[in-house]
Amino acid sequence: YYDISESKEEIDHVKKRLHLEISNITRNDEIYNQIKNIVNRNYPNLFDTLEMELPELSRLDIETIYYFASGMTFGAICVLTNTKNGALRTRKSRVKEKIRHSSFAQKELLLSLLP
């Protein structure tokens, strides 16, 4: 939130600070690992099997699936993956297609986690 009376320099300083904080979050594997653990408790072995059966999925593809599976909002996932809205929509669509065309045993469950 910016007050109109604030100078451009103050606003730029806040923007830079915010960008730095977001960058620190997106590079923080601890957050990703916590989310991974929570999702894996709810869906045991789903992702271990997925990574073995669909090795063409990138780490970012897998992260994106974890974030959706955890119930995060689209905007939050964009921030955590440092991805623009359109790029995330494209990635999600591409990942869903790869899953649909795979022989992955639990693909219906996995697709249900990608709304």
Protein backbone atom coordinates (compact mmCIF):
# COMPACT_ATOMS: atom_id res chain seq x y z
CA TYR A 1 0.00 0.00 0.00
CA TYR A 2 1.39 3.35 -1.01
CA ASP A 3 0.43 6.72 0.35
CA ILE A 4 0.16 9.32 -2.41
CA SER A 5 2.31 11.69 -0.38
CA GLU A 6 5.28 9.29 -0.49
CA SER A 7 8.05 10.25 -2.86
CA LYS A 8 9.00 8.21 -5.91
CA GLU A 9 12.27 7.28 -4.17
CA GLU A 10 10.38 5.91 -1.15
CA ILE A 11 8.04 3.94 -3.38
CA ASP A 12 10.97 2.56 -5.41
CA HIS A 13 12.72 1.58 -2.18
CA VAL A 14 9.64 -0.34 -1.02
CA LYS A 15 9.33 -2.05 -4.43
CA LYS A 16 12.98 -3.11 -4.37
CA ARG A 17 12.63 -4.40 -0.82
CA LEU A 18 9.50 -6.34 -1.72
CA HIS A 19 11.19 -7.81 -4.78
CA LEU A 20 14.14 -8.90 -2.62
CA GLU A 21 11.84 -10.56 -0.07
CA ILE A 22 9.94 -12.41 -2.79
CA SER A 23 13.23 -13.53 -4.34
CA ASN A 24 14.35 -14.90 -0.97
CA ILE A 25 11.11 -16.87 -0.65
CA THR A 26 11.33 -18.32 -4.16
CA ARG A 27 14.89 -19.50 -3.53
CA ASN A 28 14.01 -21.04 -0.19
CA ASP A 29 13.99 -24.82 -0.53
CA GLU A 30 12.81 -25.12 3.08
CA ILE A 31 9.36 -23.82 2.13
CA TYR A 32 9.16 -26.20 -0.83
CA ASN A 33 10.28 -29.14 1.32
CA GLN A 34 7.66 -28.36 3.97
CA ILE A 35 4.93 -28.27 1.33
CA LYS A 36 6.28 -31.48 -0.19
CA ASN A 37 6.13 -33.24 3.19
CA ILE A 38 2.55 -32.12 3.80
CA VAL A 39 1.39 -33.26 0.36
CA ASN A 40 3.25 -36.57 0.65
CA ARG A 41 1.51 -37.28 3.96
CA ASN A 42 -1.85 -36.86 2.24
CA TYR A 43 -0.85 -38.72 -0.94
CA PRO A 44 1.78 -41.30 0.09
CA ASN A 45 4.15 -42.44 -2.68
CA LEU A 46 2.20 -40.61 -5.38
CA PHE A 47 5.06 -38.31 -6.27
CA ASP A 48 7.82 -40.90 -5.94
CA THR A 49 6.02 -42.99 -8.52
CA LEU A 50 5.29 -39.94 -10.68
CA GLU A 51 8.92 -38.90 -10.88
CA MET A 52 9.92 -42.43 -11.90
CA GLU A 53 7.17 -42.89 -14.49
CA LEU A 54 7.29 -39.39 -15.98
CA PRO A 55 10.95 -38.40 -15.90
CA GLU A 56 10.35 -35.82 -18.64
CA LEU A 57 8.66 -33.57 -16.08
CA SER A 58 11.07 -30.88 -14.94
CA ARG A 59 11.72 -29.97 -11.32
CA LEU A 60 9.60 -26.87 -11.86
CA ASP A 61 6.76 -29.00 -13.26
CA ILE A 62 6.90 -31.21 -10.17
CA GLU A 63 7.06 -28.18 -7.85
CA THR A 64 4.04 -26.72 -9.59
CA ILE A 65 2.08 -29.95 -9.07
CA TYR A 66 3.03 -29.96 -5.39
CA TYR A 67 1.89 -26.36 -4.96
CA PHE A 68 -1.48 -27.05 -6.61
CA ALA A 69 -1.85 -30.26 -4.60
CA SER A 70 -1.31 -28.29 -1.41
CA GLY A 71 -4.26 -26.05 -2.27
CA MET A 72 -2.29 -22.89 -2.95
CA THR A 73 -3.86 -20.16 -5.00
CA PHE A 74 -2.79 -19.47 -8.54
CA GLY A 75 -1.29 -16.13 -7.49
CA ALA A 76 0.72 -17.69 -4.68
CA ILE A 77 2.13 -20.29 -7.05
CA CYS A 78 3.12 -17.55 -9.49
CA VAL A 79 5.03 -15.80 -6.71
CA LEU A 80 6.71 -18.95 -5.38
CA THR A 81 7.78 -20.13 -8.83
CA ASN A 82 8.62 -16.61 -10.05
CA THR A 83 6.33 -17.23 -13.01
CA LYS A 84 3.93 -14.94 -14.83
CA ASN A 85 0.26 -15.87 -14.86
CA GLY A 86 0.16 -16.87 -18.54
CA ALA A 87 3.32 -18.95 -18.28
CA LEU A 88 1.91 -20.83 -15.28
CA ARG A 89 -1.33 -21.56 -17.16
CA THR A 90 0.71 -22.89 -20.09
CA ARG A 91 2.90 -25.03 -17.81
CA LYS A 92 -0.12 -26.47 -16.01
CA SER A 93 -1.79 -27.30 -19.32
CA ARG A 94 1.37 -28.92 -20.69
CA VAL A 95 1.85 -30.97 -17.51
CA LYS A 96 -1.77 -32.13 -17.58
CA GLU A 97 -1.36 -33.26 -21.20
CA LYS A 98 1.77 -35.24 -20.34
CA ILE A 99 -0.07 -36.91 -17.47
CA ARG A 100 -3.17 -37.65 -19.60
CA HIS A 101 -1.07 -39.34 -22.28
CA SER A 102 0.98 -41.35 -19.82
CA SER A 103 0.43 -44.83 -18.46
CA PHE A 104 0.69 -43.44 -14.92
CA ALA A 105 -1.53 -45.63 -12.72
CA GLN A 106 -2.87 -42.80 -10.57
CA LYS A 107 -3.29 -40.22 -13.30
CA GLU A 108 -6.95 -39.46 -12.49
CA LEU A 109 -6.01 -38.61 -8.91
CA LEU A 110 -3.10 -36.50 -10.06
CA LEU A 111 -5.19 -34.64 -12.63
CA SER A 112 -7.79 -33.90 -9.95
CA LEU A 113 -5.06 -32.07 -8.01
CA LEU A 114 -4.49 -29.73 -10.98
CA PRO A 115 -7.75 -27.77 -11.18
